[in-house]
Amino acid sequence: MDVITIESAAYAKIVRRIDDIEQKILDIVKKAQNPLSERWLDNQQLCQVLNISKRLLQSYRDEKQIPFSQINHKIYYKASDVEKFLTKNYKPLIGY
């Protein structure tokens, strides 16, 4: 077995880096465990998720089909509301 000697400052730096990596992993796991319904999407994100135009999304808001929150000029949608909107508009295939 080989013995490696390092300075205490170098050892402390390695420990800090390991702690940083551990924290990043914990953050990633926490994000992955959050249900989609706890997330908020902005206009651009929702347009990309639904593959629709901003104008169509505006129509959904105007027709009160999808709830939203607005802070200044920025609009946000609760992912759980988007899921409800999609479920409400779901058209199952008969005999499938």
PDB file of N, CA and C in Angstrom:
ATOM      1  N   MET A   1       0.845  -1.175   0.000  1.00  0.00           N
ATOM      2  CA  MET A   1       0.000   0.000   0.000  1.00  0.00           C
ATOM      3  C   MET A   1       0.889   1.236   0.000  1.00  0.00           C
ATOM      4  N   ASP A   2       0.571   2.185  -0.870  1.00  0.00           N
ATOM      5  CA  ASP A   2       1.343   3.417  -0.972  1.00  0.00           C
ATOM      6  C   ASP A   2       0.763   4.461  -0.030  1.00  0.00           C
ATOM      7  N   VAL A   3       1.589   5.259   0.545  1.00  0.00           N
ATOM      8  CA  VAL A   3       1.178   6.362   1.403  1.00  0.00           C
ATOM      9  C   VAL A   3       1.480   7.659   0.656  1.00  0.00           C
ATOM     10  N   ILE A   4       0.434   8.498   0.545  1.00  0.00           N
ATOM     11  CA  ILE A   4       0.596   9.768  -0.148  1.00  0.00           C
ATOM     12  C   ILE A   4       0.460  10.877   0.881  1.00  0.00           C
ATOM     13  N   THR A   5       1.370  11.796   0.868  1.00  0.00           N
ATOM     14  CA  THR A   5       1.349  12.907   1.804  1.00  0.00           C
ATOM     15  C   THR A   5       1.029  14.186   1.034  1.00  0.00           C
ATOM     16  N   ILE A   6       0.038  14.944   1.566  1.00  0.00           N
ATOM     17  CA  ILE A   6      -0.286  16.237   0.962  1.00  0.00           C
ATOM     18  C   ILE A   6      -0.387  17.282   2.062  1.00  0.00           C
ATOM     19  N   GLU A   7      -0.283  18.514   1.654  1.00  0.00           N
ATOM     20  CA  GLU A   7      -0.387  19.612   2.619  1.00  0.00           C
ATOM     21  C   GLU A   7      -1.825  19.717   3.110  1.00  0.00           C
ATOM     22  N   SER A   8      -1.988  20.235   4.305  1.00  0.00           N
ATOM     23  CA  SER A   8      -3.336  20.345   4.882  1.00  0.00           C
ATOM     24  C   SER A   8      -4.218  21.289   4.069  1.00  0.00           C
ATOM     25  N   ALA A   9      -3.633  22.311   3.471  1.00  0.00           N
ATOM     26  CA  ALA A   9      -4.416  23.245   2.646  1.00  0.00           C
ATOM     27  C   ALA A   9      -4.950  22.524   1.401  1.00  0.00           C
ATOM     28  N   ALA A  10      -4.130  21.682   0.806  1.00  0.00           N
ATOM     29  CA  ALA A  10      -4.565  20.922  -0.365  1.00  0.00           C
ATOM     30  C   ALA A  10      -5.653  19.926   0.025  1.00  0.00           C
ATOM     31  N   TYR A  11      -5.481  19.289   1.181  1.00  0.00           N
ATOM     32  CA  TYR A  11      -6.485  18.345   1.675  1.00  0.00           C
ATOM     33  C   TYR A  11      -7.809  19.067   1.930  1.00  0.00           C
ATOM     34  N   ALA A  12      -7.746  20.233   2.544  1.00  0.00           N
ATOM     35  CA  ALA A  12      -8.970  21.003   2.819  1.00  0.00           C
ATOM     36  C   ALA A  12      -9.663  21.401   1.521  1.00  0.00           C
ATOM     37  N   LYS A  13      -8.879  21.746   0.509  1.00  0.00           N
ATOM     38  CA  LYS A  13      -9.448  22.109  -0.792  1.00  0.00           C
ATOM     39  C   LYS A  13     -10.163  20.915  -1.420  1.00  0.00           C
ATOM     40  N   ILE A  14      -9.576  19.743  -1.327  1.00  0.00           N
ATOM     41  CA  ILE A  14     -10.201  18.529  -1.860  1.00  0.00           C
ATOM     42  C   ILE A  14     -11.509  18.240  -1.124  1.00  0.00           C
ATOM     43  N   VAL A  15     -11.504  18.375   0.169  1.00  0.00           N
ATOM     44  CA  VAL A  15     -12.714  18.128   0.962  1.00  0.00           C
ATOM     45  C   VAL A  15     -13.811  19.119   0.579  1.00  0.00           C
ATOM     46  N   ARG A  16     -13.457  20.392   0.405  1.00  0.00           N
ATOM     47  CA  ARG A  16     -14.444  21.398  -0.012  1.00  0.00           C
ATOM     48  C   ARG A  16     -15.036  21.047  -1.374  1.00  0.00           C
ATOM     49  N   ARG A  17     -14.178  20.622  -2.306  1.00  0.00           N
ATOM     50  CA  ARG A  17     -14.667  20.239  -3.646  1.00  0.00           C
ATOM     51  C   ARG A  17     -15.622  19.053  -3.561  1.00  0.00           C
ATOM     52  N   ILE A  18     -15.299  18.087  -2.729  1.00  0.00           N
ATOM     53  CA  ILE A  18     -16.178  16.925  -2.553  1.00  0.00           C
ATOM     54  C   ILE A  18     -17.507  17.366  -1.946  1.00  0.00           C
ATOM     55  N   ASP A  19     -17.465  18.273  -0.976  1.00  0.00           N
ATOM     56  CA  ASP A  19     -18.693  18.792  -0.375  1.00  0.00           C
ATOM     57  C   ASP A  19     -19.537  19.538  -1.410  1.00  0.00           C
ATOM     58  N   ASP A  20     -18.885  20.323  -2.281  1.00  0.00           N
ATOM     59  CA  ASP A  20     -19.600  21.039  -3.343  1.00  0.00           C
ATOM     60  C   ASP A  20     -20.279  20.061  -4.299  1.00  0.00           C
ATOM     61  N   ILE A  21     -19.552  19.024  -4.670  1.00  0.00           N
ATOM     62  CA  ILE A  21     -20.120  18.014  -5.574  1.00  0.00           C
ATOM     63  C   ILE A  21     -21.299  17.324  -4.906  1.00  0.00           C
ATOM     64  N   GLU A  22     -21.161  16.996  -3.642  1.00  0.00           N
ATOM     65  CA  GLU A  22     -22.259  16.357  -2.911  1.00  0.00           C
ATOM     66  C   GLU A  22     -23.493  17.256  -2.897  1.00  0.00           C
ATOM     67  N   GLN A  23     -23.301  18.540  -2.660  1.00  0.00           N
ATOM     68  CA  GLN A  23     -24.426  19.469  -2.628  1.00  0.00           C
ATOM     69  C   GLN A  23     -25.100  19.574  -3.992  1.00  0.00           C
ATOM     70  N   LYS A  24     -24.311  19.600  -5.043  1.00  0.00           N
ATOM     71  CA  LYS A  24     -24.879  19.651  -6.396  1.00  0.00           C
ATOM     72  C   LYS A  24     -25.690  18.402  -6.695  1.00  0.00           C
ATOM     73  N   ILE A  25     -25.196  17.254  -6.289  1.00  0.00           N
ATOM     74  CA  ILE A  25     -25.929  16.003  -6.491  1.00  0.00           C
ATOM     75  C   ILE A  25     -27.235  16.028  -5.707  1.00  0.00           C
ATOM     76  N   LEU A  26     -27.196  16.499  -4.470  1.00  0.00           N
ATOM     77  CA  LEU A  26     -28.417  16.588  -3.666  1.00  0.00           C
ATOM     78  C   LEU A  26     -29.428  17.538  -4.302  1.00  0.00           C
ATOM     79  N   ASP A  27     -28.957  18.647  -4.857  1.00  0.00           N
ATOM     80  CA  ASP A  27     -29.853  19.585  -5.548  1.00  0.00           C
ATOM     81  C   ASP A  27     -30.504  18.936  -6.761  1.00  0.00           C
ATOM     82  N   ILE A  28     -29.728  18.183  -7.518  1.00  0.00           N
ATOM     83  CA  ILE A  28     -30.267  17.504  -8.699  1.00  0.00           C
ATOM     84  C   ILE A  28     -31.309  16.474  -8.283  1.00  0.00           C
ATOM     85  N   VAL A  29     -31.028  15.717  -7.253  1.00  0.00           N
ATOM     86  CA  VAL A  29     -31.979  14.711  -6.764  1.00  0.00           C
ATOM     87  C   VAL A  29     -33.249  15.386  -6.274  1.00  0.00           C
ATOM     88  N   LYS A  30     -33.106  16.493  -5.573  1.00  0.00           N
ATOM     89  CA  LYS A  30     -34.279  17.215  -5.065  1.00  0.00           C
ATOM     90  C   LYS A  30     -35.147  17.712  -6.220  1.00  0.00           C
ATOM     91  N   LYS A  31     -34.529  18.261  -7.263  1.00  0.00           N
ATOM     92  CA  LYS A  31     -35.280  18.722  -8.428  1.00  0.00           C
ATOM     93  C   LYS A  31     -36.002  17.559  -9.097  1.00  0.00           C
ATOM     94  N   ALA A  32     -35.319  16.426  -9.194  1.00  0.00           N
ATOM     95  CA  ALA A  32     -35.914  15.255  -9.856  1.00  0.00           C
ATOM     96  C   ALA A  32     -37.090  14.711  -9.056  1.00  0.00           C
ATOM     97  N   GLN A  33     -37.073  14.880  -7.743  1.00  0.00           N
ATOM     98  CA  GLN A  33     -38.144  14.351  -6.907  1.00  0.00           C
ATOM     99  C   GLN A  33     -39.345  15.280  -6.852  1.00  0.00           C
ATOM    100  N   ASN A  34     -39.171  16.544  -7.235  1.00  0.00           N
ATOM    101  CA  ASN A  34     -40.301  17.466  -7.238  1.00  0.00           C
ATOM    102  C   ASN A  34     -41.258  17.078  -8.347  1.00  0.00           C
ATOM    103  N   PRO A  35     -42.529  16.912  -8.010  1.00  0.00           N
ATOM    104  CA  PRO A  35     -43.476  16.605  -9.080  1.00  0.00           C
ATOM    105  C   PRO A  35     -43.585  17.769 -10.057  1.00  0.00           C
ATOM    106  N   LEU A  36     -43.942  17.439 -11.271  1.00  0.00           N
ATOM    107  CA  LEU A  36     -44.075  18.455 -12.311  1.00  0.00           C
ATOM    108  C   LEU A  36     -45.054  19.536 -11.899  1.00  0.00           C
ATOM    109  N   SER A  37     -46.066  19.175 -11.121  1.00  0.00           N
ATOM    110  CA  SER A  37     -47.104  20.131 -10.748  1.00  0.00           C
ATOM    111  C   SER A  37     -46.580  21.272  -9.878  1.00  0.00           C
ATOM    112  N   GLU A  38     -45.394  21.128  -9.317  1.00  0.00           N
ATOM    113  CA  GLU A  38     -44.845  22.187  -8.470  1.00  0.00           C
ATOM    114  C   GLU A  38     -43.968  23.154  -9.270  1.00  0.00           C
ATOM    115  N   ARG A  39     -43.846  22.927 -10.561  1.00  0.00           N
ATOM    116  CA  ARG A  39     -43.017  23.790 -11.401  1.00  0.00           C
ATOM    117  C   ARG A  39     -43.860  24.868 -12.054  1.00  0.00           C
ATOM    118  N   TRP A  40     -43.218  25.965 -12.405  1.00  0.00           N
ATOM    119  CA  TRP A  40     -43.857  27.055 -13.148  1.00  0.00           C
ATOM    120  C   TRP A  40     -43.128  27.206 -14.466  1.00  0.00           C
ATOM    121  N   LEU A  41     -43.890  27.438 -15.518  1.00  0.00           N
ATOM    122  CA  LEU A  41     -43.324  27.604 -16.854  1.00  0.00           C
ATOM    123  C   LEU A  41     -43.649  29.000 -17.370  1.00  0.00           C
ATOM    124  N   ASP A  42     -42.708  29.612 -18.061  1.00  0.00           N
ATOM    125  CA  ASP A  42     -43.014  30.903 -18.674  1.00  0.00           C
ATOM    126  C   ASP A  42     -43.570  30.663 -20.082  1.00  0.00           C
ATOM    127  N   ASN A  43     -43.922  31.745 -20.774  1.00  0.00           N
ATOM    128  CA  ASN A  43     -44.512  31.638 -22.116  1.00  0.00           C
ATOM    129  C   ASN A  43     -43.658  30.799 -23.055  1.00  0.00           C
ATOM    130  N   GLN A  44     -42.392  31.139 -23.127  1.00  0.00           N
ATOM    131  CA  GLN A  44     -41.502  30.463 -24.064  1.00  0.00           C
ATOM    132  C   GLN A  44     -41.391  28.976 -23.750  1.00  0.00           C
ATOM    133  N   GLN A  45     -41.228  28.635 -22.481  1.00  0.00           N
ATOM    134  CA  GLN A  45     -41.112  27.236 -22.092  1.00  0.00           C
ATOM    135  C   GLN A  45     -42.385  26.465 -22.443  1.00  0.00           C
ATOM    136  N   LEU A  46     -43.553  27.062 -22.147  1.00  0.00           N
ATOM    137  CA  LEU A  46     -44.802  26.367 -22.418  1.00  0.00           C
ATOM    138  C   LEU A  46     -45.029  26.207 -23.923  1.00  0.00           C
ATOM    139  N   CYS A  47     -44.684  27.214 -24.700  1.00  0.00           N
ATOM    140  CA  CYS A  47     -44.798  27.093 -26.155  1.00  0.00           C
ATOM    141  C   CYS A  47     -43.930  25.946 -26.665  1.00  0.00           C
ATOM    142  N   GLN A  48     -42.746  25.801 -26.116  1.00  0.00           N
ATOM    143  CA  GLN A  48     -41.854  24.722 -26.533  1.00  0.00           C
ATOM    144  C   GLN A  48     -42.400  23.370 -26.099  1.00  0.00           C
ATOM    145  N   VAL A  49     -42.919  23.282 -24.872  1.00  0.00           N
ATOM    146  CA  VAL A  49     -43.453  22.017 -24.370  1.00  0.00           C
ATOM    147  C   VAL A  49     -44.652  21.564 -25.196  1.00  0.00           C
ATOM    148  N   LEU A  50     -45.565  22.497 -25.500  1.00  0.00           N
ATOM    149  CA  LEU A  50     -46.781  22.156 -26.239  1.00  0.00           C
ATOM    150  C   LEU A  50     -46.596  22.235 -27.753  1.00  0.00           C
ATOM    151  N   ASN A  51     -45.457  22.762 -28.180  1.00  0.00           N
ATOM    152  CA  ASN A  51     -45.167  22.953 -29.605  1.00  0.00           C
ATOM    153  C   ASN A  51     -46.262  23.800 -30.274  1.00  0.00           C
ATOM    154  N   ILE A  52     -46.547  24.953 -29.649  1.00  0.00           N
ATOM    155  CA  ILE A  52     -47.554  25.877 -30.175  1.00  0.00           C
ATOM    156  C   ILE A  52     -46.942  27.269 -30.276  1.00  0.00           C
ATOM    157  N   SER A  53     -47.638  28.156 -30.960  1.00  0.00           N
ATOM    158  CA  SER A  53     -47.161  29.530 -31.107  1.00  0.00           C
ATOM    159  C   SER A  53     -47.562  30.363 -29.889  1.00  0.00           C
ATOM    160  N   LYS A  54     -46.887  31.494 -29.736  1.00  0.00           N
ATOM    161  CA  LYS A  54     -47.239  32.413 -28.649  1.00  0.00           C
ATOM    162  C   LYS A  54     -48.642  32.969 -28.851  1.00  0.00           C
ATOM    163  N   ARG A  55     -49.028  33.131 -30.095  1.00  0.00           N
ATOM    164  CA  ARG A  55     -50.372  33.653 -30.398  1.00  0.00           C
ATOM    165  C   ARG A  55     -51.457  32.669 -29.959  1.00  0.00           C
ATOM    166  N   LEU A  56     -51.260  31.385 -30.204  1.00  0.00           N
ATOM    167  CA  LEU A  56     -52.234  30.386 -29.765  1.00  0.00           C
ATOM    168  C   LEU A  56     -52.306  30.339 -28.248  1.00  0.00           C
ATOM    169  N   LEU A  57     -51.179  30.464 -27.606  1.00  0.00           N
ATOM    170  CA  LEU A  57     -51.166  30.493 -26.141  1.00  0.00           C
ATOM    171  C   LEU A  57     -51.920  31.720 -25.637  1.00  0.00           C
ATOM    172  N   GLN A  58     -51.744  32.847 -26.308  1.00  0.00           N
ATOM    173  CA  GLN A  58     -52.490  34.062 -25.972  1.00  0.00           C
ATOM    174  C   GLN A  58     -53.990  33.813 -26.111  1.00  0.00           C
ATOM    175  N   SER A  59     -54.402  33.098 -27.151  1.00  0.00           N
ATOM    176  CA  SER A  59     -55.825  32.779 -27.349  1.00  0.00           C
ATOM    177  C   SER A  59     -56.353  31.921 -26.210  1.00  0.00           C
ATOM    178  N   TYR A  60     -55.571  30.950 -25.767  1.00  0.00           N
ATOM    179  CA  TYR A  60     -55.982  30.113 -24.630  1.00  0.00           C
ATOM    180  C   TYR A  60     -56.202  30.966 -23.387  1.00  0.00           C
ATOM    181  N   ARG A  61     -55.325  31.944 -23.177  1.00  0.00           N
ATOM    182  CA  ARG A  61     -55.485  32.837 -22.016  1.00  0.00           C
ATOM    183  C   ARG A  61     -56.727  33.700 -22.185  1.00  0.00           C
ATOM    184  N   ASP A  62     -56.903  34.294 -23.370  1.00  0.00           N
ATOM    185  CA  ASP A  62     -58.052  35.169 -23.626  1.00  0.00           C
ATOM    186  C   ASP A  62     -59.373  34.428 -23.452  1.00  0.00           C
ATOM    187  N   GLU A  63     -59.394  33.173 -23.862  1.00  0.00           N
ATOM    188  CA  GLU A  63     -60.615  32.353 -23.767  1.00  0.00           C
ATOM    189  C   GLU A  63     -60.752  31.690 -22.395  1.00  0.00           C
ATOM    190  N   LYS A  64     -59.827  32.032 -21.482  1.00  0.00           N
ATOM    191  CA  LYS A  64     -59.830  31.502 -20.115  1.00  0.00           C
ATOM    192  C   LYS A  64     -59.794  29.973 -20.090  1.00  0.00           C
ATOM    193  N   GLN A  65     -59.037  29.403 -21.003  1.00  0.00           N
ATOM    194  CA  GLN A  65     -58.878  27.952 -21.052  1.00  0.00           C
ATOM    195  C   GLN A  65     -57.740  27.469 -20.171  1.00  0.00           C
ATOM    196  N   ILE A  66     -56.792  28.356 -19.910  1.00  0.00           N
ATOM    197  CA  ILE A  66     -55.637  27.967 -19.102  1.00  0.00           C
ATOM    198  C   ILE A  66     -55.321  29.083 -18.108  1.00  0.00           C
ATOM    199  N   PRO A  67     -55.236  28.754 -16.816  1.00  0.00           N
ATOM    200  CA  PRO A  67     -54.925  29.778 -15.815  1.00  0.00           C
ATOM    201  C   PRO A  67     -53.459  30.226 -15.917  1.00  0.00           C
ATOM    202  N   PHE A  68     -53.201  31.437 -15.454  1.00  0.00           N
ATOM    203  CA  PHE A  68     -51.840  31.967 -15.497  1.00  0.00           C
ATOM    204  C   PHE A  68     -51.661  33.007 -14.399  1.00  0.00           C
ATOM    205  N   SER A  69     -50.407  33.317 -14.141  1.00  0.00           N
ATOM    206  CA  SER A  69     -50.037  34.407 -13.228  1.00  0.00           C
ATOM    207  C   SER A  69     -49.193  35.386 -14.029  1.00  0.00           C
ATOM    208  N   GLN A  70     -49.338  36.649 -13.697  1.00  0.00           N
ATOM    209  CA  GLN A  70     -48.558  37.660 -14.408  1.00  0.00           C
ATOM    210  C   GLN A  70     -47.858  38.552 -13.406  1.00  0.00           C
ATOM    211  N   ILE A  71     -46.575  38.721 -13.611  1.00  0.00           N
ATOM    212  CA  ILE A  71     -45.764  39.632 -12.808  1.00  0.00           C
ATOM    213  C   ILE A  71     -45.158  40.615 -13.791  1.00  0.00           C
ATOM    214  N   ASN A  72     -45.567  41.870 -13.662  1.00  0.00           N
ATOM    215  CA  ASN A  72     -45.225  42.890 -14.660  1.00  0.00           C
ATOM    216  C   ASN A  72     -45.684  42.394 -16.024  1.00  0.00           C
ATOM    217  N   HIS A  73     -44.769  42.200 -16.950  1.00  0.00           N
ATOM    218  CA  HIS A  73     -45.156  41.738 -18.285  1.00  0.00           C
ATOM    219  C   HIS A  73     -44.829  40.263 -18.503  1.00  0.00           C
ATOM    220  N   LYS A  74     -44.361  39.603 -17.465  1.00  0.00           N
ATOM    221  CA  LYS A  74     -43.962  38.199 -17.579  1.00  0.00           C
ATOM    222  C   LYS A  74     -45.113  37.309 -17.122  1.00  0.00           C
ATOM    223  N   ILE A  75     -45.432  36.294 -17.918  1.00  0.00           N
ATOM    224  CA  ILE A  75     -46.556  35.409 -17.629  1.00  0.00           C
ATOM    225  C   ILE A  75     -46.026  34.021 -17.305  1.00  0.00           C
ATOM    226  N   TYR A  76     -46.622  33.411 -16.270  1.00  0.00           N
ATOM    227  CA  TYR A  76     -46.219  32.088 -15.818  1.00  0.00           C
ATOM    228  C   TYR A  76     -47.435  31.170 -15.739  1.00  0.00           C
ATOM    229  N   TYR A  77     -47.183  29.883 -15.955  1.00  0.00           N
ATOM    230  CA  TYR A  77     -48.224  28.870 -15.903  1.00  0.00           C
ATOM    231  C   TYR A  77     -47.784  27.775 -14.949  1.00  0.00           C
ATOM    232  N   LYS A  78     -48.691  27.340 -14.095  1.00  0.00           N
ATOM    233  CA  LYS A  78     -48.414  26.239 -13.192  1.00  0.00           C
ATOM    234  C   LYS A  78     -48.468  24.955 -14.004  1.00  0.00           C
ATOM    235  N   ALA A  79     -47.469  24.127 -13.864  1.00  0.00           N
ATOM    236  CA  ALA A  79     -47.411  22.892 -14.645  1.00  0.00           C
ATOM    237  C   ALA A  79     -48.620  22.004 -14.364  1.00  0.00           C
ATOM    238  N   SER A  80     -49.127  22.020 -13.131  1.00  0.00           N
ATOM    239  CA  SER A  80     -50.310  21.212 -12.816  1.00  0.00           C
ATOM    240  C   SER A  80     -51.526  21.709 -13.590  1.00  0.00           C
ATOM    241  N   ASP A  81     -51.629  23.027 -13.798  1.00  0.00           N
ATOM    242  CA  ASP A  81     -52.732  23.576 -14.599  1.00  0.00           C
ATOM    243  C   ASP A  81     -52.592  23.174 -16.060  1.00  0.00           C
ATOM    244  N   VAL A  82     -51.362  23.116 -16.536  1.00  0.00           N
ATOM    245  CA  VAL A  82     -51.125  22.684 -17.916  1.00  0.00           C
ATOM    246  C   VAL A  82     -51.534  21.222 -18.064  1.00  0.00           C
ATOM    247  N   GLU A  83     -51.201  20.401 -17.064  1.00  0.00           N
ATOM    248  CA  GLU A  83     -51.600  18.993 -17.100  1.00  0.00           C
ATOM    249  C   GLU A  83     -53.121  18.856 -17.108  1.00  0.00           C
ATOM    250  N   LYS A  84     -53.802  19.652 -16.302  1.00  0.00           N
ATOM    251  CA  LYS A  84     -55.273  19.625 -16.292  1.00  0.00           C
ATOM    252  C   LYS A  84     -55.825  20.046 -17.650  1.00  0.00           C
ATOM    253  N   PHE A  85     -55.251  21.077 -18.236  1.00  0.00           N
ATOM    254  CA  PHE A  85     -55.670  21.555 -19.552  1.00  0.00           C
ATOM    255  C   PHE A  85     -55.513  20.449 -20.598  1.00  0.00           C
ATOM    256  N   LEU A  86     -54.388  19.751 -20.564  1.00  0.00           N
ATOM    257  CA  LEU A  86     -54.155  18.672 -21.517  1.00  0.00           C
ATOM    258  C   LEU A  86     -55.116  17.509 -21.275  1.00  0.00           C
ATOM    259  N   THR A  87     -55.346  17.169 -20.030  1.00  0.00           N
ATOM    260  CA  THR A  87     -56.259  16.076 -19.692  1.00  0.00           C
ATOM    261  C   THR A  87     -57.686  16.409 -20.119  1.00  0.00           C
ATOM    262  N   LYS A  88     -58.089  17.660 -19.888  1.00  0.00           N
ATOM    263  CA  LYS A  88     -59.437  18.088 -20.261  1.00  0.00           C
ATOM    264  C   LYS A  88     -59.644  17.988 -21.775  1.00  0.00           C
ATOM    265  N   ASN A  89     -58.608  18.220 -22.531  1.00  0.00           N
ATOM    266  CA  ASN A  89     -58.699  18.197 -23.983  1.00  0.00           C
ATOM    267  C   ASN A  89     -58.260  16.870 -24.606  1.00  0.00           C
ATOM    268  N   TYR A  90     -58.089  15.856 -23.766  1.00  0.00           N
ATOM    269  CA  TYR A  90     -57.676  14.548 -24.231  1.00  0.00           C
ATOM    270  C   TYR A  90     -58.810  13.851 -24.981  1.00  0.00           C
ATOM    271  N   LYS A  91     -58.503  13.330 -26.135  1.00  0.00           N
ATOM    272  CA  LYS A  91     -59.496  12.629 -26.962  1.00  0.00           C
ATOM    273  C   LYS A  91     -59.024  11.188 -27.142  1.00  0.00           C
ATOM    274  N   PRO A  92     -59.562  10.263 -26.346  1.00  0.00           N
ATOM    275  CA  PRO A  92     -59.110   8.869 -26.463  1.00  0.00           C
ATOM    276  C   PRO A  92     -59.626   8.230 -27.752  1.00  0.00           C
ATOM    277  N   LEU A  93     -58.883   7.271 -28.243  1.00  0.00           N
ATOM    278  CA  LEU A  93     -59.297   6.511 -29.414  1.00  0.00           C
ATOM    279  C   LEU A  93     -60.267   5.420 -28.971  1.00  0.00           C
ATOM    280  N   ILE A  94     -61.353   5.295 -29.669  1.00  0.00           N
ATOM    281  CA  ILE A  94     -62.333   4.273 -29.338  1.00  0.00           C
ATOM    282  C   ILE A  94     -61.839   2.939 -29.922  1.00  0.00           C
ATOM    283  N   GLY A  95     -61.886   1.901 -29.113  1.00  0.00           N
ATOM    284  CA  GLY A  95     -61.450   0.582 -29.547  1.00  0.00           C
ATOM    285  C   GLY A  95     -59.942   0.407 -29.529  1.00  0.00           C
ATOM    286  N   TYR A  96     -59.241   1.299 -28.899  1.00  0.00           N
ATOM    287  CA  TYR A  96     -57.777   1.224 -28.853  1.00  0.00           C
ATOM    288  C   TYR A  96     -57.332   0.392 -27.707  1.00  0.00           C
TER     289      TYR A  96
END
